[in-house]
Amino acid sequence: MTINEVILLNSTLEQKKAQIASSLSDSDFFEIFSFEQILKNYDLSYDDLLYGKVGAGRNGGIDGFFTFINGEILTEDTDTSEVRRGATIELYLIQAKRSESFTEAAIDRINTTVQDLFNLDNDLADFRAYYEPDLIDKADMFRNTYISLASKHPNLIINYFYASKGKTTNIHPNVHNNRVRILKETTANYFPGSTVNMTFLGARELLDASRVEKSYTLQIKFLESYVSRGEDNYVILSSLADYFAFVTDDNGNLRRYVFESNVRDWQGNVEVNKDIRRTLDSDDDLDFWWLNNGITVLTSKATIAGKTITLDDVHIVNGLQTTVIIYDYLKGKPIEGKDERRSILIRIIVTEDAAKRDRIIKATNFQTAIPAASLKASDRIQRDIEDFFQRHGLYYDRRKNYYKNIGKPADKIVGIPYVAQVVMAVILRKPDYARARPTSLIKKQKDYQQVFSESLGLSVYLSCTKVMKQIDAFIRNHATNYSMRDKTDLKFHILMALIAKLTGSKDYQVAGVEALSEVDIPQDLLDETVSEVVKLAQSYSKSKKIPIEKLVKTREFVTYLTKRLQVNPPAGVK
């Protein structure tokens, strides 16, 4: 008999899939849904969740592979050079199956995969014939990062999750105990000193997790009287213990989602952060707020009752470095032992005006070490793109996860990195650069200014994005003659090639790109372009003996592709 939890979970899945991801298969959506519940505290975007998905078939029992360093997701272009000593590396290996059971075979399969991929003596190239390329690449990236940080003695936490529609109370003891014990022992053997966890999530646990909403209405206690010049600003002093409670959830985890995404780059073990930690560790009688600039909070409403202030739509726009260090300093301490002696200065600004908010974000961060491009979401051009896209049915996520959090469809949401990549591939003709640097593409101000220039019309951004979205959909649902990995690795090269075919010229001009914003691309043209680019890549890869996943990041291949691409005057384009 089907249990009530399964009926309710199936209903939830059906509703959410229809609302946000109707183009995904039921199996793919269950995986993404499971990833989101398990990793909810990390405030991942849909692109982040899809990035951690390692394919089907030859995935070794691992559907999701996510690595975090100090709470930030690890990608190909993550710079770990500034990671401080004693950093935390967290690895999440997730199996998500729609069956209504938990099996021994599933855990045994993961155990075999662990022996192949986590034995550092093994050359991962030897396993490419047996596992999905995405899984090999993610394992390789994790291994290289772990090895490179070994001298800094990172804390390694490996979390296994097995999600299904089963009932966790019905798990056979041989699965829950014996098989899990073997998996933990195998893992610990390869990573001595690591913490290894195994968690089972059934229909009930997934339902409960899906009902946990991020709270943007928070309370904080303050000391003595507050300072205010009206109802739109407050200055308060709070004890470090009360601030710790404000920025952590019921499980003691940092509420990462309340930090404004464009200014939450953790700067690592820089001298300023060392000074903050030394201040906390010191035993002198100087109050903390005397030595620290404090925190700036934006909110849409503030209500004071006694010595507690309640804030709606909380966003911390300045003070990430201070907050992380306070969190690290106080976490794990007994409540009664948390630091009550010292206090922190908090500026609270009440506004719902987007323009004012953006000015405040910039102004309060100019004095910090944050790179200029990290403040990009506040630029006028970013607000203009957001408004323009929305008028054409797309949601430009300049404020990370804003549209995800209000339930807009996943395939209609595009982030700043996505748009930067497609413009880099099309307008600057650098698909290699776009593929090689998926997340750091615009961290350098020079790159940012090249991509987001007010000399480009807004239609350029829309055209590039809409063509790329059509390619993404085609790659996902069609073109089955080639591996998903090859198509994904080459998608920016395919984009550049398709633009050339649509405009009828390899030397297309910006005006020609602008005209494509409403183009409905014929399926046969998509198929032709994908086939041509993949075949050229395979041929060049074979002749140069360079794997495609490395080839796509080279300028050499872009030159080769451009020279050999067949371009005729466009036909059949509506």
Foldseek 3Di string as FASTA:
>chain_A
DDDPLLVVLVVVLVVLCVQAPVLDDSFVSQQLLVVCLVLVLLQDASVRSVLQAQDDDLALLFGGWWKDKQSHTDDLPDDCPQAAFQIAIEIETEHEDADAADDLVSLVSNLVVCVALLQVVHDLVVCPVRHGPSNSVSSVSVVVVCVVCVVSPYAYEYEYEYEYQYDPVPHDCCRVPVSVVSSVVSNCVSPPNYHYYYYYHHSVNSVVSVPDAQAQKFKFFFPDDWDDPDFFKIKTKGFLLRVQVRQADPVSHGNVLQEFQLQQDASHPDPVLVVLLVVVVDDDLDASAVPDPFWEWEAQGWDDDDRMIIGGRIHTLDQNSNNSSSSVVAPPDDSVPGGRNHIGMYMYGHDPDLLVVLVVSCVRPPVDPQQPCSSVLSDPLNVVLQVVLVVVQAGEPSRRCPCVSVRHHSLRYDYPLRLLLLQCCAVVVQNLLSLSCSDCQPSDPVSVCVRRPPVADSLLSLLSNVLLSVLVSCLVPHLVPDDSVLCVLCSSVLSNLLLCQALQHNPDDSVSSSVRNPKDDDSVSSNVSSVVLSVLLVVVCVVVVNDSNVVSNDPVVSVVCSVPRDHGHHDPID
